[in-house]
Amino acid sequence: MPSPPRPSSCRKLIPRRTQNLSFVLEGIHKVKFEDRPVPQLKDPHDVLINVRYTGICGSDVHYWEHGAIGQFVVKEPMVLGHESAGVISQVGSAVTSLKVGDRVAMEPGIACRRCEPCKSGKYNLCENMAFAATPPYDGTLAKYYVLPEDFCYKLPETLSLEEGALMEPLSVAVHIVRQAQVSPGQSVVVFGAGPVGLLCAAVATAFGASKVIAVDIQQPRLDFAKQYATTSTFLPGKASAQENAERLKKENDLGTGADVAIDASGAEPSVHTGIHVLRNGGTYVQGGMGRSEIQFPIMAACSKELTLKGSFRYGSGDYKLAVGLVSEGRVNVKQLITGTVKFEEAERAFLEVKAGKGIKTLITGINE
């Protein structure tokens, strides 16, 4: 059995004086700090952001652990990170909605605005998306990062920059729940009690779901979910998906089945159980990414005439709604922050997330 990765000596390589210190992935378990030039504003609608907090996502850890996610392969050194918030440091000549000093949540995917998905209003499906920390594009774990002004969301005074960094995973959850069209009074089962699954439960509750049930194979996660944003939890047994689904329905008084099932785990048993736990005419949304191909209970999906949807990142209005949900007190993201590390100890955050410690770890940025 291979030994777990150990922190590298990258901390010793930090220059004393820096312009745009960045945390760079060179290869599997091989990272370094690199001082790069401060990015220039190339478009009059762009802004320069001093990044203050960045959350660690499973995709960041996957690139660090494996050097690739599906077709996206790290071939050149790449700055990691995409869950960030910061302070506006410079604005382009055409920027009207932001000024220097504004605190913003950063939407890290820049769409081309020209392809058919973009023009039809689904820019998250852009054919030429430039997404932070997805090869070949650099991420946000740097002192400075450039974005168009309309991909920055001004934070109300009541929201901290730490909370701002969690607008990215919350926007993922908002998109998933909007895909499911959750409405007041519905029953929702969420598979996976990691950060996105927990946030899906919180958003479903905010949307008025009367029952929100979290499913996970780790009891500590379920314990947290129960006190965070669910009406109940479910620990699957060593049984078939149909048997677990029947027990889940019985224990939670779901009658013939749940209205909505959301998978935020990507695990094949969860997918199967999610299909079987739904009532006839129910809605299933796949938000978690697991293996590229799995077996699927297609007969059950057809005979129940289920609505099946995928969900990818976030689209129009999702970030704005995420900020609103938190500022209005309808979703709490502070409770998910279980650790913060200094920028020069960034690799330690990856090790802790890989080890399953806590829920959401943040890396502090470098103030101007």
Protein backbone atom coordinates (compact mmCIF):
# COMPACT_ATOMS: atom_id res chain seq x y z
CA MET A 1 0.00 0.00 0.00
CA PRO A 2 1.56 3.37 -1.04
CA SER A 3 2.50 5.75 1.75
CA PRO A 4 0.53 9.02 1.96
CA PRO A 5 2.11 12.09 0.34
CA ARG A 6 4.23 14.28 2.56
CA PRO A 7 4.47 18.06 2.41
CA SER A 8 7.19 19.22 0.07
CA SER A 9 9.76 21.83 0.95
CA CYS A 10 8.00 24.43 -1.18
CA ARG A 11 7.62 26.78 1.79
CA LYS A 12 11.39 27.28 1.83
CA LEU A 13 11.31 28.49 -1.75
CA ILE A 14 9.12 31.56 -1.13
CA PRO A 15 10.91 34.70 -2.35
CA ARG A 16 11.32 37.46 0.23
CA ARG A 17 9.86 40.13 -2.02
CA THR A 18 7.10 39.21 -4.41
CA GLN A 19 4.89 40.73 -7.10
CA ASN A 20 2.26 38.05 -7.62
CA LEU A 21 3.15 35.02 -5.51
CA SER A 22 1.28 31.96 -6.82
CA PHE A 23 0.80 28.36 -5.67
CA VAL A 24 1.69 26.23 -8.68
CA LEU A 25 1.12 22.56 -9.44
CA GLU A 26 4.00 21.11 -11.48
CA GLY A 27 3.01 17.45 -11.33
CA ILE A 28 1.50 14.81 -9.08
CA HIS A 29 2.23 15.81 -5.45
CA LYS A 30 4.70 18.37 -6.78
CA VAL A 31 3.93 22.00 -5.99
CA LYS A 32 5.92 25.19 -5.62
CA PHE A 33 5.56 28.87 -4.88
CA GLU A 34 6.36 30.99 -7.90
CA ASP A 35 6.50 34.77 -8.18
CA ARG A 36 4.80 35.79 -11.40
CA PRO A 37 4.16 39.22 -12.93
CA VAL A 38 1.05 41.07 -11.79
CA PRO A 39 -1.59 40.35 -14.47
CA GLN A 40 -2.52 43.31 -16.67
CA LEU A 41 -6.02 44.48 -17.53
CA LYS A 42 -6.40 43.65 -21.23
CA ASP A 43 -10.07 44.57 -21.52
CA PRO A 44 -11.65 47.85 -20.32
CA HIS A 45 -14.34 45.82 -18.51
CA ASP A 46 -11.80 43.81 -16.47
CA VAL A 47 -10.82 44.29 -12.84
CA LEU A 48 -7.74 43.26 -10.86
CA ILE A 49 -8.52 41.47 -7.60
CA ASN A 50 -6.32 40.99 -4.57
CA VAL A 51 -7.37 37.45 -3.61
CA ARG A 52 -7.94 37.17 0.15
CA TYR A 53 -9.45 33.70 0.72
CA THR A 54 -9.57 30.53 -1.35
CA GLY A 55 -11.38 27.32 -0.49
CA ILE A 56 -10.03 23.90 -1.42
CA CYS A 57 -12.30 21.90 -3.72
CA GLY A 58 -12.22 18.19 -4.48
CA SER A 59 -11.18 18.96 -8.05
CA ASP A 60 -8.11 20.88 -6.81
CA VAL A 61 -7.12 17.89 -4.69
CA HIS A 62 -7.77 15.52 -7.60
CA TYR A 63 -5.38 17.45 -9.87
CA TRP A 64 -2.77 17.48 -7.08
CA GLU A 65 -3.29 13.74 -6.46
CA HIS A 66 -3.62 12.46 -10.06
CA GLY A 67 -2.56 15.25 -12.41
CA ALA A 68 -5.76 15.00 -14.43
CA ILE A 69 -9.55 14.88 -14.35
CA GLY A 70 -10.89 13.01 -17.33
CA GLN A 71 -9.83 14.79 -20.51
CA PHE A 72 -8.28 17.69 -18.59
CA VAL A 73 -4.60 16.86 -18.06
CA VAL A 74 -1.99 19.06 -16.38
CA LYS A 75 0.71 19.30 -19.05
CA GLU A 76 2.25 22.61 -17.97
CA PRO A 77 2.65 24.18 -14.50
CA MET A 78 -0.75 25.46 -13.37
CA VAL A 79 -1.87 27.71 -10.52
CA LEU A 80 -4.46 25.90 -8.39
CA GLY A 81 -7.66 27.19 -6.76
CA HIS A 82 -11.03 28.51 -7.91
CA GLU A 83 -13.19 29.11 -4.79
CA SER A 84 -12.17 32.66 -3.97
CA ALA A 85 -13.10 36.10 -2.73
CA GLY A 86 -11.03 39.24 -2.68
CA VAL A 87 -10.76 43.02 -2.83
CA ILE A 88 -10.77 45.11 -6.02
CA SER A 89 -7.31 46.56 -6.58
CA GLN A 90 -7.71 48.14 -10.03
CA VAL A 91 -10.57 48.69 -12.47
CA GLY A 92 -10.67 48.99 -16.25
CA SER A 93 -11.72 52.21 -17.96
CA ALA A 94 -15.22 50.89 -18.81
CA VAL A 95 -16.03 49.40 -15.38
CA THR A 96 -19.08 51.03 -13.80
CA SER A 97 -20.38 48.59 -11.15
CA LEU A 98 -17.23 48.23 -9.03
CA LYS A 99 -14.56 50.46 -7.52
CA VAL A 100 -11.20 49.97 -5.85
CA GLY A 101 -11.71 48.59 -2.33
CA ASP A 102 -14.94 46.71 -3.05
CA ARG A 103 -15.07 43.19 -1.60
CA VAL A 104 -16.26 40.58 -4.09
CA ALA A 105 -17.01 36.92 -4.58
CA MET A 106 -15.24 35.69 -7.70
CA GLU A 107 -16.98 33.56 -10.33
CA PRO A 108 -13.99 31.69 -11.80
CA GLY A 109 -15.22 30.61 -15.25
CA ILE A 110 -15.10 33.09 -18.14
CA ALA A 111 -17.41 32.13 -21.00
CA CYS A 112 -16.74 33.17 -24.59
CA ARG A 113 -20.20 34.80 -24.91
CA ARG A 114 -20.30 33.85 -28.60
CA CYS A 115 -21.08 30.13 -28.90
CA GLU A 116 -24.60 28.72 -29.07
CA PRO A 117 -24.80 27.69 -25.37
CA CYS A 118 -23.68 31.18 -24.33
CA LYS A 119 -26.15 32.90 -26.66
CA SER A 120 -28.97 30.65 -25.47
CA GLY A 121 -28.37 31.60 -21.85
CA LYS A 122 -26.47 28.49 -20.71
CA TYR A 123 -23.00 29.95 -20.48
CA ASN A 124 -21.89 27.24 -18.02
CA LEU A 125 -21.94 24.92 -21.06
CA CYS A 126 -19.73 27.29 -23.09
CA GLU A 127 -17.73 25.47 -25.75
CA ASN A 128 -14.71 27.68 -25.06
CA MET A 129 -14.91 28.13 -21.30
CA ALA A 130 -11.77 29.44 -19.59
CA PHE A 131 -12.20 28.02 -16.09
CA ALA A 132 -9.76 28.70 -13.28
CA ALA A 133 -7.48 25.78 -12.34
CA THR A 134 -8.71 23.66 -15.24
CA PRO A 135 -5.89 22.97 -17.72
CA PRO A 136 -4.58 25.02 -19.42
CA TYR A 137 -5.94 27.92 -17.35
CA ASP A 138 -4.37 29.16 -14.12
CA GLY A 139 -6.40 29.31 -10.92
CA THR A 140 -6.90 31.87 -8.18
CA LEU A 141 -4.32 30.80 -5.57
CA ALA A 142 -2.27 33.88 -6.28
CA LYS A 143 -1.94 37.38 -4.89
CA TYR A 144 -3.74 38.85 -7.90
CA TYR A 145 -6.30 37.59 -10.40
CA VAL A 146 -8.15 39.28 -13.28
CA LEU A 147 -11.87 38.86 -14.03
CA PRO A 148 -14.52 40.72 -16.06
CA GLU A 149 -16.53 42.99 -13.76
CA ASP A 150 -19.75 41.03 -14.36
CA PHE A 151 -18.13 37.88 -12.94
CA CYS A 152 -17.52 39.65 -9.63
CA TYR A 153 -20.29 39.90 -7.05
CA LYS A 154 -20.09 42.69 -4.51
CA LEU A 155 -20.46 41.40 -0.98
CA PRO A 156 -22.85 43.17 1.41
CA GLU A 157 -21.24 44.59 4.55
CA THR A 158 -22.83 41.77 6.55
CA LEU A 159 -20.86 39.11 4.64
CA SER A 160 -17.21 38.36 5.37
CA LEU A 161 -14.61 37.57 2.74
CA GLU A 162 -14.42 34.06 4.20
CA GLU A 163 -18.11 33.62 3.44
CA GLY A 164 -17.48 35.14 0.02
CA ALA A 165 -15.08 32.31 -0.83
CA LEU A 166 -17.91 29.83 -0.23
CA MET A 167 -20.16 31.48 -2.81
CA GLU A 168 -18.58 29.20 -5.41
CA PRO A 169 -19.64 25.84 -3.90
CA LEU A 170 -22.94 27.41 -2.82
CA SER A 171 -23.56 28.47 -6.43
CA VAL A 172 -22.95 24.88 -7.51
CA ALA A 173 -25.63 23.80 -5.01
CA VAL A 174 -28.00 26.55 -6.13
CA HIS A 175 -27.67 25.38 -9.73
CA ILE A 176 -28.34 21.76 -8.76
CA VAL A 177 -31.43 22.63 -6.73
CA ARG A 178 -32.71 24.92 -9.49
CA GLN A 179 -32.20 22.09 -11.98
CA ALA A 180 -34.39 19.93 -9.70
CA GLN A 181 -37.01 22.71 -9.56
CA VAL A 182 -37.48 22.14 -5.85
CA SER A 183 -40.66 23.82 -4.62
CA PRO A 184 -42.38 24.34 -1.24
CA GLY A 185 -43.68 21.20 0.43
CA GLN A 186 -41.58 18.74 -1.54
CA SER A 187 -39.46 15.90 -0.15
CA VAL A 188 -35.81 15.92 -1.20
CA VAL A 189 -33.17 13.23 -0.69
CA VAL A 190 -29.55 14.35 -1.03
CA PHE A 191 -26.86 11.70 -1.50
CA GLY A 192 -23.44 12.75 -0.21
CA ALA A 193 -22.92 14.96 2.86
CA GLY A 194 -19.76 16.68 1.70
CA PRO A 195 -19.69 20.48 1.18
CA VAL A 196 -21.84 20.50 -1.97
CA GLY A 197 -24.32 17.94 -0.63
CA LEU A 198 -24.70 19.90 2.61
CA LEU A 199 -25.24 23.10 0.66
CA CYS A 200 -27.80 21.38 -1.58
CA ALA A 201 -29.70 20.43 1.57
CA ALA A 202 -29.49 24.02 2.83
CA VAL A 203 -30.70 25.47 -0.48
CA ALA A 204 -33.54 22.93 -0.74
CA THR A 205 -34.62 23.95 2.76
CA ALA A 206 -34.43 27.63 1.76
CA PHE A 207 -36.59 26.83 -1.28
CA GLY A 208 -39.29 25.46 1.02
CA ALA A 209 -38.79 21.68 0.93
CA SER A 210 -40.67 20.13 3.85
CA LYS A 211 -38.41 17.09 4.12
CA VAL A 212 -34.69 17.12 3.37
CA ILE A 213 -32.89 13.84 3.99
CA ALA A 214 -29.10 13.48 3.80
CA VAL A 215 -27.58 10.12 2.87
CA ASP A 216 -23.95 9.23 3.48
CA ILE A 217 -21.81 6.25 4.50
CA GLN A 218 -19.94 8.25 7.15
CA GLN A 219 -21.85 8.76 10.40
CA PRO A 220 -19.91 11.90 11.48
CA ARG A 221 -20.98 13.62 8.26
CA LEU A 222 -24.58 12.64 8.91
CA ASP A 223 -24.33 13.93 12.48
CA PHE A 224 -23.22 17.31 11.14
CA ALA A 225 -25.89 17.28 8.42
CA LYS A 226 -28.64 16.67 10.97
CA GLN A 227 -27.79 19.78 12.96
CA TYR A 228 -26.97 21.85 9.86
CA ALA A 229 -29.82 21.79 7.34
CA THR A 230 -31.75 18.52 7.17
CA THR A 231 -34.88 17.09 8.73
CA SER A 232 -33.33 13.61 8.95
CA THR A 233 -30.43 11.44 7.79
CA PHE A 234 -29.93 7.94 6.46
CA LEU A 235 -26.98 5.56 6.75
CA PRO A 236 -27.19 2.90 4.01
CA GLY A 237 -26.78 -0.71 5.04
CA LYS A 238 -24.97 -3.54 3.28
CA ALA A 239 -27.97 -4.30 1.12
CA SER A 240 -29.17 -3.77 -2.45
CA ALA A 241 -30.09 -0.32 -3.71
CA GLN A 242 -33.75 -1.35 -3.79
CA GLU A 243 -33.63 -2.53 -0.18
CA ASN A 244 -31.92 0.63 1.02
CA ALA A 245 -34.42 2.74 -0.93
CA GLU A 246 -37.37 0.91 0.64
CA ARG A 247 -35.95 1.37 4.14
CA LEU A 248 -35.22 5.02 3.43
CA LYS A 249 -38.83 5.59 2.33
CA LYS A 250 -40.27 3.73 5.30
CA GLU A 251 -38.09 5.41 7.94
CA ASN A 252 -38.88 8.88 6.58
CA ASP A 253 -42.57 8.40 5.78
CA LEU A 254 -42.07 9.12 2.08
CA GLY A 255 -45.02 7.03 0.96
CA THR A 256 -44.49 5.88 -2.62
CA GLY A 257 -41.25 7.83 -2.83
CA ALA A 258 -39.49 11.19 -2.67
CA ASP A 259 -40.29 14.06 -5.01
CA VAL A 260 -36.63 14.85 -5.72
CA ALA A 261 -33.36 12.93 -5.47
CA ILE A 262 -30.03 14.73 -5.80
CA ASP A 263 -26.73 12.90 -6.03
CA ALA A 264 -23.76 14.95 -4.84
CA SER A 265 -21.48 11.94 -4.34
CA GLY A 266 -20.85 10.42 -7.77
CA ALA A 267 -20.99 6.96 -6.19
CA GLU A 268 -22.77 4.30 -8.25
CA PRO A 269 -24.73 2.82 -5.29
CA SER A 270 -26.06 6.31 -4.54
CA VAL A 271 -27.20 6.75 -8.13
CA HIS A 272 -29.07 3.44 -8.00
CA THR A 273 -30.66 4.19 -4.63
CA GLY A 274 -31.63 7.67 -5.81
CA ILE A 275 -33.53 6.27 -8.79
CA HIS A 276 -35.31 3.68 -6.65
CA VAL A 277 -36.26 6.08 -3.85
CA LEU A 278 -38.22 8.39 -6.17
CA ARG A 279 -41.97 8.32 -6.65
CA ASN A 280 -43.47 7.93 -10.11
CA GLY A 281 -42.89 11.16 -12.01
CA GLY A 282 -40.14 12.29 -9.61
CA THR A 283 -37.02 14.26 -10.52
CA TYR A 284 -33.41 13.07 -10.33
CA VAL A 285 -30.41 15.40 -10.68
CA GLN A 286 -26.83 14.22 -10.99
CA GLY A 287 -24.46 16.75 -9.47
CA GLY A 288 -21.62 14.54 -8.23
CA MET A 289 -18.93 13.30 -10.60
CA GLY A 290 -17.64 9.76 -10.19
CA ARG A 291 -16.53 7.23 -12.77
CA SER A 292 -17.13 8.27 -16.37
CA GLU A 293 -19.35 5.22 -16.97
CA ILE A 294 -21.52 3.22 -14.58
CA GLN A 295 -24.35 0.71 -14.68
CA PHE A 296 -27.72 2.44 -14.50
CA PRO A 297 -31.24 1.23 -13.50
CA ILE A 298 -32.76 2.38 -16.76
CA MET A 299 -35.91 0.25 -16.47
CA ALA A 300 -36.88 1.90 -13.20
CA ALA A 301 -36.19 5.34 -14.65
CA CYS A 302 -38.37 4.61 -17.67
CA SER A 303 -41.25 2.86 -15.93
CA LYS A 304 -41.48 5.65 -13.33
CA GLU A 305 -41.26 8.26 -16.10
CA LEU A 306 -38.65 10.16 -14.13
CA THR A 307 -37.20 13.49 -15.11
CA LEU A 308 -33.42 13.03 -15.26
CA LYS A 309 -31.03 15.98 -15.39
CA GLY A 310 -27.34 16.66 -15.14
CA SER A 311 -25.90 19.72 -13.42
CA PHE A 312 -22.60 21.40 -14.25
CA ARG A 313 -21.08 24.29 -12.35
CA TYR A 314 -23.41 27.34 -12.31
CA GLY A 315 -25.21 29.60 -14.71
CA SER A 316 -27.05 32.87 -15.01
CA GLY A 317 -28.32 34.17 -11.68
CA ASP A 318 -26.82 31.42 -9.51
CA TYR A 319 -24.07 33.51 -7.90
CA LYS A 320 -26.43 36.43 -7.33
CA LEU A 321 -28.95 34.13 -5.65
CA ALA A 322 -26.21 32.50 -3.55
CA VAL A 323 -25.10 35.87 -2.18
CA GLY A 324 -28.74 36.76 -1.48
CA LEU A 325 -29.46 33.52 0.38
CA VAL A 326 -26.54 34.09 2.74
CA SER A 327 -27.05 37.82 3.22
CA GLU A 328 -30.73 37.21 4.04
CA GLY A 329 -29.80 34.55 6.61
CA ARG A 330 -31.51 31.73 4.72
CA VAL A 331 -28.30 29.72 4.24
CA ASN A 332 -25.39 29.60 6.68
CA VAL A 333 -21.97 28.95 5.15
CA LYS A 334 -19.88 29.94 8.18
CA GLN A 335 -20.65 26.61 9.82
CA LEU A 336 -18.89 24.77 6.99
CA ILE A 337 -15.55 26.53 7.53
CA THR A 338 -13.57 24.18 9.75
CA GLY A 339 -10.02 25.39 9.16
CA THR A 340 -7.90 28.21 7.76
CA VAL A 341 -4.23 27.98 6.81
CA LYS A 342 -1.72 30.62 5.78
CA PHE A 343 -0.80 31.00 2.12
CA GLU A 344 2.74 29.75 2.75
CA GLU A 345 1.25 26.54 4.19
CA ALA A 346 -1.10 25.93 1.26
CA GLU A 347 0.06 22.37 0.69
CA ARG A 348 -0.98 21.46 4.22
CA ALA A 349 -4.55 22.36 3.30
CA PHE A 350 -4.44 19.85 0.44
CA LEU A 351 -3.14 17.16 2.75
CA GLU A 352 -5.88 17.83 5.28
CA VAL A 353 -8.65 17.78 2.68
CA LYS A 354 -7.25 14.57 1.21
CA ALA A 355 -7.28 13.04 4.70
CA GLY A 356 -10.95 14.00 5.10
CA LYS A 357 -10.34 16.48 7.90
CA GLY A 358 -13.11 18.99 8.41
CA ILE A 359 -15.61 20.18 5.83
CA LYS A 360 -14.19 23.28 4.14
CA THR A 361 -10.61 24.49 4.51
CA LEU A 362 -9.67 28.02 3.43
CA ILE A 363 -6.26 29.39 2.46
CA THR A 364 -5.63 33.02 3.33
CA GLY A 365 -4.35 35.29 0.60
CA ILE A 366 -1.58 37.85 0.54
CA ASN A 367 -2.78 41.36 1.39
CA GLU A 368 -1.52 44.24 -0.67
